[in-house]
Amino acid sequence: MPDGDRVHSHLRGFYKKPYKMLCEGVARPEECARIVLDVLRSDLEQIAKVPFLLARNISDLLSQKIGPLEFSNDFAAAGISRQIDELIRQVDGPSREKELISRASKTVLNDLRHGREMDASNVQLAIFNRYIRDKYDAEFKERIPLSNDHHHGVSHSELMRRLEALEPYLDLGFHKFAQTAIKDQNLDNLRLPRQFRREINLDEDLLAC
């Protein structure tokens, strides 16, 4: 795709900036990740109030049922899943965001069913952290393969390799966002991690993200 052409029509607004950075390969993975997180933070502040409220309500439901007997069979889990659906149905909000918080909540429910140990106080954090991950996937990661020709002529395989290199830094950012939101009980002051720490790989190309 020649420079100056339309950049990835399947990406919304500011998500095109980190996409271009990834394609051009001029920044380190942590620098690319910080730009992605900054765009995601703005998105969350604008649209995630309903999912945040639902994460709190659904975590109250799941916290009441934490224990080996509550998740012991398909029938019990199906009943809890229906209760989650009902809580979501009762709240007005963007259907896409309600779909994402439903997916996140049921992922956490499935984790609990399969023996993941989780204190009741951490359920809301787990749900909202998963929602943020799913939001990133839906808005950015899953849309990148929808273009046949990528900016700056980068190959699809190389672009996906660069994208995968962001994951450790993104995970830190998702957790920081969720942690801050739960602590403040609002989305008004989501913060990026102050710095990313990593072990330096001497064979790594430090200029390629």
N, C-alpha and C. Protein backbone atom coordinates (compact mmCIF):
# COMPACT_ATOMS: atom_id res chain seq x y z
N MET A 1 0.85 -1.19 0.00
CA MET A 1 0.00 0.00 0.00
C MET A 1 0.89 1.24 0.00
N PRO A 2 0.85 2.07 -1.03
CA PRO A 2 1.71 3.24 -1.09
C PRO A 2 1.41 4.20 0.04
N ASP A 3 2.48 4.92 0.50
CA ASP A 3 2.28 5.94 1.52
C ASP A 3 1.30 6.98 1.00
N GLY A 4 0.43 7.45 1.88
CA GLY A 4 -0.56 8.45 1.51
C GLY A 4 -1.90 7.85 1.15
N ASP A 5 -1.93 6.54 0.85
CA ASP A 5 -3.20 5.88 0.58
C ASP A 5 -3.98 5.74 1.87
N ARG A 6 -5.25 5.41 1.73
CA ARG A 6 -6.07 5.17 2.90
C ARG A 6 -5.46 4.05 3.74
N VAL A 7 -5.39 4.27 5.05
CA VAL A 7 -4.75 3.31 5.94
C VAL A 7 -5.80 2.44 6.61
N HIS A 8 -5.87 1.20 6.24
CA HIS A 8 -6.70 0.16 6.86
C HIS A 8 -8.12 0.63 7.17
N SER A 9 -9.00 0.47 6.20
CA SER A 9 -10.37 0.97 6.32
C SER A 9 -11.18 0.28 7.41
N HIS A 10 -10.70 -0.85 7.92
CA HIS A 10 -11.46 -1.57 8.95
C HIS A 10 -11.14 -1.09 10.37
N LEU A 11 -10.15 -0.22 10.50
CA LEU A 11 -9.78 0.30 11.82
C LEU A 11 -10.45 1.66 12.04
N ARG A 12 -10.92 1.87 13.27
CA ARG A 12 -11.56 3.14 13.60
C ARG A 12 -10.54 4.18 14.02
N GLY A 13 -10.75 5.41 13.57
CA GLY A 13 -10.11 6.61 14.07
C GLY A 13 -8.67 6.47 14.51
N PHE A 14 -8.46 6.72 15.81
CA PHE A 14 -7.10 6.80 16.34
C PHE A 14 -6.40 5.45 16.38
N TYR A 15 -7.12 4.34 16.18
CA TYR A 15 -6.46 3.04 16.14
C TYR A 15 -5.56 2.91 14.91
N LYS A 16 -5.72 3.81 13.95
CA LYS A 16 -4.86 3.76 12.76
C LYS A 16 -3.43 4.19 13.08
N LYS A 17 -3.25 5.02 14.11
CA LYS A 17 -1.91 5.48 14.46
C LYS A 17 -1.02 4.33 14.92
N PRO A 18 -1.43 3.52 15.91
CA PRO A 18 -0.55 2.40 16.28
C PRO A 18 -0.40 1.37 15.17
N TYR A 19 -1.42 1.22 14.33
CA TYR A 19 -1.30 0.32 13.19
C TYR A 19 -0.17 0.78 12.27
N LYS A 20 -0.13 2.07 11.96
CA LYS A 20 0.93 2.59 11.10
C LYS A 20 2.30 2.40 11.74
N MET A 21 2.37 2.63 13.05
CA MET A 21 3.65 2.43 13.74
C MET A 21 4.12 1.00 13.63
N LEU A 22 3.19 0.05 13.80
CA LEU A 22 3.55 -1.36 13.69
C LEU A 22 4.02 -1.69 12.28
N CYS A 23 3.33 -1.16 11.29
CA CYS A 23 3.70 -1.43 9.90
C CYS A 23 5.08 -0.86 9.56
N GLU A 24 5.36 0.32 10.06
CA GLU A 24 6.62 0.99 9.72
C GLU A 24 7.80 0.44 10.51
N GLY A 25 7.54 -0.17 11.67
CA GLY A 25 8.58 -0.84 12.43
C GLY A 25 9.69 0.06 12.94
N VAL A 26 9.34 1.29 13.32
CA VAL A 26 10.37 2.23 13.75
C VAL A 26 10.38 2.44 15.26
N ALA A 27 9.53 1.74 15.99
CA ALA A 27 9.46 1.91 17.44
C ALA A 27 9.59 0.56 18.12
N ARG A 28 10.03 0.60 19.37
CA ARG A 28 10.15 -0.63 20.15
C ARG A 28 8.76 -1.14 20.53
N PRO A 29 8.66 -2.43 20.86
CA PRO A 29 7.34 -2.99 21.22
C PRO A 29 6.67 -2.24 22.35
N GLU A 30 7.44 -1.86 23.39
CA GLU A 30 6.82 -1.17 24.52
C GLU A 30 6.31 0.21 24.12
N GLU A 31 6.96 0.86 23.15
CA GLU A 31 6.51 2.16 22.68
C GLU A 31 5.22 2.02 21.87
N CYS A 32 5.18 1.00 21.02
CA CYS A 32 3.95 0.72 20.26
C CYS A 32 2.81 0.38 21.21
N ALA A 33 3.10 -0.45 22.21
CA ALA A 33 2.07 -0.85 23.17
C ALA A 33 1.51 0.35 23.92
N ARG A 34 2.38 1.28 24.27
CA ARG A 34 1.92 2.47 25.00
C ARG A 34 0.96 3.30 24.15
N ILE A 35 1.22 3.40 22.86
CA ILE A 35 0.30 4.13 21.98
C ILE A 35 -1.04 3.42 21.87
N VAL A 36 -0.99 2.08 21.72
CA VAL A 36 -2.23 1.30 21.68
C VAL A 36 -3.03 1.53 22.96
N LEU A 37 -2.36 1.46 24.10
CA LEU A 37 -3.04 1.62 25.38
C LEU A 37 -3.61 3.02 25.55
N ASP A 38 -2.91 4.01 25.06
CA ASP A 38 -3.41 5.39 25.16
C ASP A 38 -4.69 5.56 24.36
N VAL A 39 -4.72 4.99 23.16
CA VAL A 39 -5.94 5.04 22.34
C VAL A 39 -7.07 4.25 23.01
N LEU A 40 -6.75 3.07 23.52
CA LEU A 40 -7.74 2.24 24.19
C LEU A 40 -8.30 2.95 25.42
N ARG A 41 -7.44 3.62 26.16
CA ARG A 41 -7.88 4.34 27.36
C ARG A 41 -8.93 5.39 27.00
N SER A 42 -8.69 6.15 25.95
CA SER A 42 -9.67 7.16 25.52
C SER A 42 -10.99 6.50 25.13
N ASP A 43 -10.88 5.38 24.45
CA ASP A 43 -12.07 4.63 24.04
C ASP A 43 -12.86 4.18 25.28
N LEU A 44 -12.17 3.62 26.25
CA LEU A 44 -12.82 3.13 27.46
C LEU A 44 -13.50 4.27 28.22
N GLU A 45 -12.83 5.39 28.33
CA GLU A 45 -13.40 6.52 29.07
C GLU A 45 -14.69 7.01 28.44
N GLN A 46 -14.80 6.86 27.12
CA GLN A 46 -15.98 7.34 26.41
C GLN A 46 -17.13 6.34 26.42
N ILE A 47 -16.82 5.04 26.38
CA ILE A 47 -17.87 4.08 26.07
C ILE A 47 -18.04 2.96 27.08
N ALA A 48 -17.15 2.86 28.08
CA ALA A 48 -17.15 1.67 28.93
C ALA A 48 -17.87 1.84 30.26
N LYS A 49 -18.61 2.91 30.45
CA LYS A 49 -19.29 3.11 31.73
C LYS A 49 -20.33 2.02 31.99
N VAL A 50 -21.09 1.66 30.97
CA VAL A 50 -22.09 0.60 31.13
C VAL A 50 -21.42 -0.75 31.39
N PRO A 51 -20.40 -1.15 30.61
CA PRO A 51 -19.71 -2.40 30.94
C PRO A 51 -19.12 -2.41 32.34
N PHE A 52 -18.61 -1.27 32.80
CA PHE A 52 -18.04 -1.21 34.14
C PHE A 52 -19.12 -1.44 35.20
N LEU A 53 -20.28 -0.80 35.02
CA LEU A 53 -21.40 -1.02 35.94
C LEU A 53 -21.83 -2.48 35.93
N LEU A 54 -21.91 -3.06 34.73
CA LEU A 54 -22.32 -4.46 34.63
C LEU A 54 -21.28 -5.39 35.24
N ALA A 55 -20.01 -5.08 35.08
CA ALA A 55 -18.96 -5.90 35.71
C ALA A 55 -19.15 -5.93 37.22
N ARG A 56 -19.51 -4.80 37.79
CA ARG A 56 -19.75 -4.74 39.24
C ARG A 56 -20.97 -5.57 39.63
N ASN A 57 -22.05 -5.41 38.88
CA ASN A 57 -23.28 -6.16 39.20
C ASN A 57 -23.10 -7.66 39.02
N ILE A 58 -22.44 -8.04 37.95
CA ILE A 58 -22.22 -9.47 37.68
C ILE A 58 -21.23 -10.07 38.68
N SER A 59 -20.25 -9.27 39.09
CA SER A 59 -19.30 -9.78 40.09
C SER A 59 -20.01 -10.02 41.42
N ASP A 60 -20.99 -9.18 41.75
CA ASP A 60 -21.77 -9.41 42.98
C ASP A 60 -22.50 -10.75 42.89
N LEU A 61 -23.07 -11.04 41.71
CA LEU A 61 -23.77 -12.30 41.50
C LEU A 61 -22.82 -13.49 41.64
N LEU A 62 -21.68 -13.42 40.96
CA LEU A 62 -20.75 -14.54 40.99
C LEU A 62 -20.10 -14.71 42.36
N SER A 63 -19.84 -13.59 43.03
CA SER A 63 -19.19 -13.67 44.34
C SER A 63 -20.05 -14.41 45.36
N GLN A 64 -21.37 -14.27 45.21
CA GLN A 64 -22.28 -14.97 46.11
C GLN A 64 -22.26 -16.47 45.90
N LYS A 65 -21.77 -16.90 44.73
CA LYS A 65 -21.87 -18.31 44.37
C LYS A 65 -20.51 -19.01 44.32
N ILE A 66 -19.47 -18.29 44.70
CA ILE A 66 -18.15 -18.92 44.69
C ILE A 66 -18.10 -20.05 45.72
N GLY A 67 -17.70 -21.20 45.26
CA GLY A 67 -17.66 -22.38 46.12
C GLY A 67 -17.77 -23.61 45.26
N PRO A 68 -17.29 -24.74 45.71
CA PRO A 68 -17.22 -25.94 44.88
C PRO A 68 -18.58 -26.45 44.42
N LEU A 69 -19.64 -26.22 45.20
CA LEU A 69 -20.95 -26.77 44.83
C LEU A 69 -21.68 -25.90 43.81
N GLU A 70 -21.41 -24.61 43.82
CA GLU A 70 -22.17 -23.71 42.96
C GLU A 70 -21.86 -23.90 41.48
N PHE A 71 -20.65 -24.33 41.15
CA PHE A 71 -20.25 -24.47 39.75
C PHE A 71 -20.00 -25.93 39.38
N SER A 72 -20.64 -26.84 40.13
CA SER A 72 -20.27 -28.24 40.01
C SER A 72 -20.87 -28.95 38.81
N ASN A 73 -21.89 -28.38 38.17
CA ASN A 73 -22.50 -29.10 37.05
C ASN A 73 -23.01 -28.11 36.01
N ASP A 74 -23.32 -28.65 34.83
CA ASP A 74 -23.76 -27.83 33.72
C ASP A 74 -25.07 -27.10 34.03
N PHE A 75 -25.96 -27.76 34.75
CA PHE A 75 -27.26 -27.17 35.06
C PHE A 75 -27.09 -25.90 35.90
N ALA A 76 -26.25 -25.98 36.93
CA ALA A 76 -26.02 -24.81 37.79
C ALA A 76 -25.37 -23.68 37.00
N ALA A 77 -24.37 -24.02 36.18
CA ALA A 77 -23.68 -22.99 35.40
C ALA A 77 -24.62 -22.35 34.39
N ALA A 78 -25.50 -23.14 33.78
CA ALA A 78 -26.45 -22.59 32.82
C ALA A 78 -27.40 -21.61 33.49
N GLY A 79 -27.80 -21.93 34.72
CA GLY A 79 -28.67 -21.02 35.46
C GLY A 79 -27.99 -19.70 35.76
N ILE A 80 -26.71 -19.76 36.15
CA ILE A 80 -25.96 -18.53 36.42
C ILE A 80 -25.78 -17.74 35.13
N SER A 81 -25.54 -18.42 34.03
CA SER A 81 -25.38 -17.76 32.74
C SER A 81 -26.65 -17.00 32.36
N ARG A 82 -27.79 -17.61 32.62
CA ARG A 82 -29.06 -16.93 32.32
C ARG A 82 -29.25 -15.70 33.21
N GLN A 83 -28.80 -15.79 34.45
CA GLN A 83 -28.88 -14.63 35.34
C GLN A 83 -27.99 -13.50 34.84
N ILE A 84 -26.84 -13.85 34.32
CA ILE A 84 -25.96 -12.84 33.72
C ILE A 84 -26.66 -12.16 32.55
N ASP A 85 -27.28 -12.97 31.68
CA ASP A 85 -28.01 -12.43 30.53
C ASP A 85 -29.10 -11.47 30.98
N GLU A 86 -29.79 -11.82 32.05
CA GLU A 86 -30.89 -10.98 32.53
C GLU A 86 -30.36 -9.66 33.09
N LEU A 87 -29.27 -9.70 33.83
CA LEU A 87 -28.67 -8.47 34.34
C LEU A 87 -28.27 -7.54 33.20
N ILE A 88 -27.71 -8.10 32.16
CA ILE A 88 -27.28 -7.30 31.01
C ILE A 88 -28.49 -6.75 30.26
N ARG A 89 -29.53 -7.56 30.13
CA ARG A 89 -30.73 -7.12 29.40
C ARG A 89 -31.40 -5.93 30.08
N GLN A 90 -31.31 -5.84 31.38
CA GLN A 90 -31.99 -4.79 32.14
C GLN A 90 -31.31 -3.42 32.02
N VAL A 91 -30.12 -3.38 31.47
CA VAL A 91 -29.36 -2.13 31.42
C VAL A 91 -29.32 -1.61 29.98
N ASP A 92 -29.60 -0.32 29.82
CA ASP A 92 -29.48 0.32 28.51
C ASP A 92 -28.02 0.63 28.23
N GLY A 93 -27.62 0.42 26.98
CA GLY A 93 -26.24 0.73 26.61
C GLY A 93 -25.95 0.20 25.23
N PRO A 94 -24.79 0.52 24.68
CA PRO A 94 -24.41 0.05 23.34
C PRO A 94 -24.40 -1.48 23.29
N SER A 95 -25.08 -2.02 22.31
CA SER A 95 -25.22 -3.48 22.23
C SER A 95 -23.86 -4.17 22.09
N ARG A 96 -22.92 -3.54 21.37
CA ARG A 96 -21.60 -4.15 21.19
C ARG A 96 -20.88 -4.27 22.52
N GLU A 97 -20.97 -3.23 23.34
CA GLU A 97 -20.30 -3.27 24.64
C GLU A 97 -20.97 -4.27 25.57
N LYS A 98 -22.27 -4.39 25.50
CA LYS A 98 -22.97 -5.38 26.31
C LYS A 98 -22.59 -6.79 25.88
N GLU A 99 -22.40 -6.97 24.59
CA GLU A 99 -21.96 -8.28 24.09
C GLU A 99 -20.56 -8.62 24.62
N LEU A 100 -19.67 -7.61 24.64
CA LEU A 100 -18.31 -7.85 25.11
C LEU A 100 -18.27 -8.14 26.61
N ILE A 101 -19.07 -7.44 27.41
CA ILE A 101 -19.06 -7.70 28.85
C ILE A 101 -19.72 -9.03 29.15
N SER A 102 -20.69 -9.44 28.33
CA SER A 102 -21.28 -10.77 28.47
C SER A 102 -20.23 -11.85 28.22
N ARG A 103 -19.47 -11.67 27.15
CA ARG A 103 -18.41 -12.64 26.83
C ARG A 103 -17.38 -12.71 27.95
N ALA A 104 -16.98 -11.55 28.46
CA ALA A 104 -15.98 -11.51 29.52
C ALA A 104 -16.50 -12.18 30.79
N SER A 105 -17.74 -11.90 31.14
CA SER A 105 -18.32 -12.46 32.36
C SER A 105 -18.41 -13.98 32.27
N LYS A 106 -18.78 -14.47 31.10
CA LYS A 106 -18.93 -15.91 30.95
C LYS A 106 -17.58 -16.62 30.84
N THR A 107 -16.56 -15.90 30.40
CA THR A 107 -15.20 -16.45 30.45
C THR A 107 -14.77 -16.65 31.90
N VAL A 108 -15.05 -15.65 32.75
CA VAL A 108 -14.71 -15.76 34.17
C VAL A 108 -15.54 -16.86 34.83
N LEU A 109 -16.82 -16.94 34.48
CA LEU A 109 -17.66 -18.02 34.99
C LEU A 109 -17.07 -19.38 34.62
N ASN A 110 -16.63 -19.52 33.39
CA ASN A 110 -16.03 -20.78 32.95
C ASN A 110 -14.73 -21.08 33.69
N ASP A 111 -13.95 -20.03 33.95
CA ASP A 111 -12.72 -20.22 34.73
C ASP A 111 -13.04 -20.75 36.12
N LEU A 112 -14.07 -20.18 36.74
CA LEU A 112 -14.47 -20.63 38.07
C LEU A 112 -14.96 -22.07 38.05
N ARG A 113 -15.69 -22.41 37.02
CA ARG A 113 -16.19 -23.79 36.89
C ARG A 113 -15.06 -24.79 36.80
N HIS A 114 -13.96 -24.37 36.17
CA HIS A 114 -12.85 -25.30 35.94
C HIS A 114 -11.76 -25.15 36.99
N GLY A 115 -12.14 -24.62 38.14
CA GLY A 115 -11.25 -24.68 39.29
C GLY A 115 -10.32 -23.53 39.50
N ARG A 116 -10.46 -22.45 38.74
CA ARG A 116 -9.59 -21.30 38.98
C ARG A 116 -9.91 -20.71 40.35
N GLU A 117 -8.89 -20.57 41.16
CA GLU A 117 -9.08 -20.00 42.49
C GLU A 117 -9.19 -18.48 42.39
N MET A 118 -10.23 -17.93 42.99
CA MET A 118 -10.45 -16.51 42.89
C MET A 118 -11.18 -16.02 44.13
N ASP A 119 -10.59 -15.07 44.82
CA ASP A 119 -11.24 -14.47 45.97
C ASP A 119 -12.42 -13.64 45.49
N ALA A 120 -13.49 -13.60 46.29
CA ALA A 120 -14.68 -12.86 45.91
C ALA A 120 -14.37 -11.40 45.59
N SER A 121 -13.40 -10.82 46.27
CA SER A 121 -13.07 -9.41 46.06
C SER A 121 -12.38 -9.17 44.71
N ASN A 122 -11.92 -10.24 44.06
CA ASN A 122 -11.20 -10.10 42.79
C ASN A 122 -12.06 -10.39 41.57
N VAL A 123 -13.32 -10.74 41.76
CA VAL A 123 -14.16 -11.13 40.62
C VAL A 123 -14.40 -9.95 39.70
N GLN A 124 -14.72 -8.78 40.25
CA GLN A 124 -14.95 -7.61 39.40
C GLN A 124 -13.70 -7.26 38.61
N LEU A 125 -12.54 -7.35 39.26
CA LEU A 125 -11.29 -7.08 38.56
C LEU A 125 -11.08 -8.06 37.41
N ALA A 126 -11.35 -9.34 37.65
CA ALA A 126 -11.18 -10.35 36.61
C ALA A 126 -12.11 -10.10 35.43
N ILE A 127 -13.36 -9.75 35.71
CA ILE A 127 -14.34 -9.51 34.65
C ILE A 127 -13.95 -8.28 33.84
N PHE A 128 -13.63 -7.18 34.52
CA PHE A 128 -13.34 -5.95 33.78
C PHE A 128 -12.02 -6.04 33.03
N ASN A 129 -11.05 -6.73 33.61
CA ASN A 129 -9.79 -6.95 32.91
C ASN A 129 -10.03 -7.76 31.63
N ARG A 130 -10.90 -8.76 31.72
CA ARG A 130 -11.21 -9.57 30.54
C ARG A 130 -11.98 -8.75 29.51
N TYR A 131 -12.87 -7.89 29.97
CA TYR A 131 -13.60 -7.01 29.04
C TYR A 131 -12.62 -6.12 28.28
N ILE A 132 -11.64 -5.56 28.98
CA ILE A 132 -10.67 -4.68 28.32
C ILE A 132 -9.89 -5.45 27.27
N ARG A 133 -9.47 -6.67 27.60
CA ARG A 133 -8.78 -7.52 26.64
C ARG A 133 -9.66 -7.78 25.41
N ASP A 134 -10.93 -8.12 25.65
CA ASP A 134 -11.84 -8.40 24.53
C ASP A 134 -12.11 -7.14 23.71
N LYS A 135 -12.14 -5.99 24.38
CA LYS A 135 -12.33 -4.71 23.67
C LYS A 135 -11.15 -4.44 22.74
N TYR A 136 -9.95 -4.65 23.25
CA TYR A 136 -8.75 -4.49 22.42
C TYR A 136 -8.79 -5.44 21.22
N ASP A 137 -9.12 -6.69 21.48
CA ASP A 137 -9.19 -7.67 20.40
C ASP A 137 -10.19 -7.24 19.33
N ALA A 138 -11.38 -6.81 19.77
CA ALA A 138 -12.45 -6.46 18.84
C ALA A 138 -12.14 -5.21 18.03
N GLU A 139 -11.49 -4.24 18.65
CA GLU A 139 -11.25 -2.96 17.99
C GLU A 139 -9.95 -2.93 17.19
N PHE A 140 -8.99 -3.77 17.57
CA PHE A 140 -7.67 -3.65 16.94
C PHE A 140 -7.13 -4.99 16.44
N LYS A 141 -6.85 -5.90 17.34
CA LYS A 141 -6.14 -7.12 16.96
C LYS A 141 -6.89 -7.93 15.92
N GLU A 142 -8.20 -8.11 16.11
CA GLU A 142 -8.97 -8.95 15.20
C GLU A 142 -9.28 -8.25 13.87
N ARG A 143 -9.09 -6.94 13.82
CA ARG A 143 -9.38 -6.21 12.59
C ARG A 143 -8.17 -6.12 11.66
N ILE A 144 -6.98 -6.23 12.23
CA ILE A 144 -5.78 -6.09 11.41
C ILE A 144 -5.74 -7.10 10.26
N PRO A 145 -6.09 -8.38 10.47
CA PRO A 145 -6.05 -9.33 9.34
C PRO A 145 -7.11 -9.09 8.27
N LEU A 146 -8.04 -8.15 8.49
CA LEU A 146 -9.10 -7.91 7.52
C LEU A 146 -8.61 -7.17 6.28
N SER A 147 -7.41 -6.63 6.33
CA SER A 147 -6.83 -5.96 5.17
C SER A 147 -5.91 -6.93 4.42
N ASN A 148 -6.03 -6.95 3.11
CA ASN A 148 -5.17 -7.82 2.30
C ASN A 148 -3.79 -7.23 2.06
N ASP A 149 -3.73 -5.90 2.00
CA ASP A 149 -2.46 -5.21 1.75
C ASP A 149 -2.22 -4.23 2.89
N HIS A 150 -1.06 -4.36 3.51
CA HIS A 150 -0.79 -3.54 4.68
C HIS A 150 0.08 -2.33 4.36
N HIS A 151 -0.09 -1.31 5.19
CA HIS A 151 0.66 -0.07 5.08
C HIS A 151 2.17 -0.35 5.05
N HIS A 152 2.87 0.43 4.26
CA HIS A 152 4.34 0.38 4.18
C HIS A 152 4.85 -0.92 3.57
N GLY A 153 3.93 -1.70 2.97
CA GLY A 153 4.33 -2.93 2.29
C GLY A 153 4.75 -4.06 3.19
N VAL A 154 4.45 -3.96 4.50
CA VAL A 154 4.85 -5.02 5.42
C VAL A 154 4.02 -6.27 5.15
N SER A 155 4.64 -7.43 5.28
CA SER A 155 3.91 -8.68 5.08
C SER A 155 2.99 -8.95 6.25
N HIS A 156 1.95 -9.73 6.00
CA HIS A 156 1.01 -10.05 7.06
C HIS A 156 1.70 -10.82 8.19
N SER A 157 2.56 -11.77 7.84
CA SER A 157 3.22 -12.58 8.87
C SER A 157 4.14 -11.73 9.75
N GLU A 158 4.85 -10.79 9.13
CA GLU A 158 5.73 -9.92 9.91
C GLU A 158 4.93 -8.97 10.80
N LEU A 159 3.82 -8.47 10.28
CA LEU A 159 2.97 -7.58 11.07
C LEU A 159 2.40 -8.31 12.28
N MET A 160 1.96 -9.55 12.09
CA MET A 160 1.42 -10.31 13.21
C MET A 160 2.51 -10.66 14.22
N ARG A 161 3.74 -10.86 13.76
CA ARG A 161 4.85 -11.09 14.69
C ARG A 161 5.08 -9.85 15.54
N ARG A 162 5.05 -8.70 14.93
CA ARG A 162 5.23 -7.45 15.68
C ARG A 162 4.08 -7.23 16.66
N LEU A 163 2.89 -7.55 16.22
CA LEU A 163 1.72 -7.40 17.09
C LEU A 163 1.83 -8.31 18.31
N GLU A 164 2.27 -9.53 18.09
CA GLU A 164 2.41 -10.48 19.19
C GLU A 164 3.45 -10.01 20.21
N ALA A 165 4.45 -9.29 19.75
CA ALA A 165 5.49 -8.79 20.65
C ALA A 165 4.97 -7.76 21.64
N LEU A 166 3.80 -7.19 21.37
CA LEU A 166 3.21 -6.20 22.28
C LEU A 166 2.52 -6.84 23.48
N GLU A 167 2.21 -8.13 23.39
CA GLU A 167 1.32 -8.75 24.36
C GLU A 167 1.75 -8.59 25.83
N PRO A 168 3.02 -8.81 26.19
CA PRO A 168 3.37 -8.65 27.62
C PRO A 168 3.11 -7.25 28.14
N TYR A 169 3.35 -6.25 27.30
CA TYR A 169 3.16 -4.87 27.71
C TYR A 169 1.67 -4.51 27.76
N LEU A 170 0.92 -5.03 26.82
CA LEU A 170 -0.53 -4.79 26.82
C LEU A 170 -1.18 -5.42 28.05
N ASP A 171 -0.76 -6.63 28.40
CA ASP A 171 -1.32 -7.28 29.57
C ASP A 171 -1.12 -6.43 30.83
N LEU A 172 0.07 -5.84 30.95
CA LEU A 172 0.33 -4.95 32.08
C LEU A 172 -0.62 -3.75 32.06
N GLY A 173 -0.83 -3.20 30.87
CA GLY A 173 -1.71 -2.05 30.74
C GLY A 173 -3.16 -2.37 31.03
N PHE A 174 -3.64 -3.50 30.51
CA PHE A 174 -5.03 -3.89 30.77
C PHE A 174 -5.27 -4.04 32.27
N HIS A 175 -4.31 -4.69 32.94
CA HIS A 175 -4.46 -4.91 34.38
C HIS A 175 -4.44 -3.58 35.13
N LYS A 176 -3.56 -2.67 34.71
CA LYS A 176 -3.48 -1.37 35.37
C LYS A 176 -4.78 -0.60 35.19
N PHE A 177 -5.35 -0.60 34.00
CA PHE A 177 -6.62 0.07 33.77
C PHE A 177 -7.71 -0.51 34.67
N ALA A 178 -7.82 -1.83 34.68
CA ALA A 178 -8.87 -2.48 35.48
C ALA A 178 -8.66 -2.22 36.95
N GLN A 179 -7.43 -2.31 37.40
CA GLN A 179 -7.10 -2.09 38.81
C GLN A 179 -7.46 -0.67 39.24
N THR A 180 -7.12 0.31 38.40
CA THR A 180 -7.42 1.70 38.73
C THR A 180 -8.92 1.94 38.75
N ALA A 181 -9.63 1.40 37.76
CA ALA A 181 -11.08 1.58 37.70
C ALA A 181 -11.78 0.99 38.92
N ILE A 182 -11.35 -0.20 39.34
CA ILE A 182 -11.96 -0.85 40.51
C ILE A 182 -11.64 -0.05 41.77
N LYS A 183 -10.40 0.40 41.90
CA LYS A 183 -10.01 1.17 43.08
C LYS A 183 -10.81 2.46 43.19
N ASP A 184 -10.96 3.19 42.06
CA ASP A 184 -11.66 4.47 42.07
C ASP A 184 -13.17 4.33 41.90
N GLN A 185 -13.60 3.14 41.44
CA GLN A 185 -15.00 2.88 41.10
C GLN A 185 -15.53 3.86 40.05
N ASN A 186 -14.65 4.24 39.13
CA ASN A 186 -15.05 5.03 37.96
C ASN A 186 -13.94 4.94 36.91
N LEU A 187 -14.20 5.54 35.75
CA LEU A 187 -13.24 5.47 34.64
C LEU A 187 -12.60 6.82 34.37
N ASP A 188 -12.65 7.73 35.35
CA ASP A 188 -12.23 9.10 35.11
C ASP A 188 -10.72 9.29 35.15
N ASN A 189 -10.00 8.34 35.70
CA ASN A 189 -8.56 8.55 35.89
C ASN A 189 -7.77 7.29 35.59
N LEU A 190 -8.08 6.66 34.47
CA LEU A 190 -7.32 5.47 34.07
C LEU A 190 -5.88 5.87 33.77
N ARG A 191 -4.95 5.07 34.25
CA ARG A 191 -3.54 5.43 34.13
C ARG A 191 -2.77 4.34 33.39
N LEU A 192 -1.82 4.80 32.58
CA LEU A 192 -0.89 3.87 31.94
C LEU A 192 0.17 3.45 32.94
N PRO A 193 0.75 2.26 32.78
CA PRO A 193 1.89 1.90 33.62
C PRO A 193 3.00 2.93 33.47
N ARG A 194 3.67 3.26 34.57
CA ARG A 194 4.71 4.29 34.51
C ARG A 194 5.84 3.88 33.57
N GLN A 195 6.21 2.63 33.60
CA GLN A 195 7.22 2.15 32.68
C GLN A 195 7.07 0.64 32.55
N PHE A 196 7.54 0.12 31.43
CA PHE A 196 7.51 -1.30 31.20
C PHE A 196 8.90 -1.86 31.50
N ARG A 197 8.92 -2.92 32.28
CA ARG A 197 10.18 -3.56 32.57
C ARG A 197 10.28 -4.85 31.77
N ARG A 198 11.45 -5.15 31.28
CA ARG A 198 11.66 -6.38 30.53
C ARG A 198 13.12 -6.78 30.58
N GLU A 199 13.38 -8.02 30.27
CA GLU A 199 14.75 -8.48 30.12
C GLU A 199 15.19 -8.17 28.69
N ILE A 200 16.36 -7.62 28.54
CA ILE A 200 16.86 -7.27 27.22
C ILE A 200 17.40 -8.52 26.52
N ASN A 201 16.92 -8.74 25.31
CA ASN A 201 17.41 -9.83 24.47
C ASN A 201 18.46 -9.23 23.53
N LEU A 202 19.71 -9.65 23.66
CA LEU A 202 20.79 -9.05 22.88
C LEU A 202 20.66 -9.33 21.40
N ASP A 203 19.85 -10.33 21.03
CA ASP A 203 19.66 -10.64 19.62
C ASP A 203 18.48 -9.90 19.02
N GLU A 204 17.80 -9.12 19.82
CA GLU A 204 16.58 -8.46 19.35
C GLU A 204 16.92 -7.20 18.55
N ASP A 205 16.16 -6.96 17.51
CA ASP A 205 16.25 -5.70 16.77
C ASP A 205 15.48 -4.64 17.54
N LEU A 206 16.19 -3.77 18.24
CA LEU A 206 15.52 -2.81 19.14
C LEU A 206 14.79 -1.72 18.39
N LEU A 207 14.97 -1.62 17.10
CA LEU A 207 14.25 -0.60 16.34
C LEU A 207 12.99 -1.13 15.70
N ALA A 208 12.73 -2.42 15.83
CA ALA A 208 11.56 -3.01 15.17
C ALA A 208 10.54 -3.39 16.21
N CYS A 209 9.30 -2.90 16.01
CA CYS A 209 8.24 -3.27 16.94
C CYS A 209 7.41 -4.39 16.35
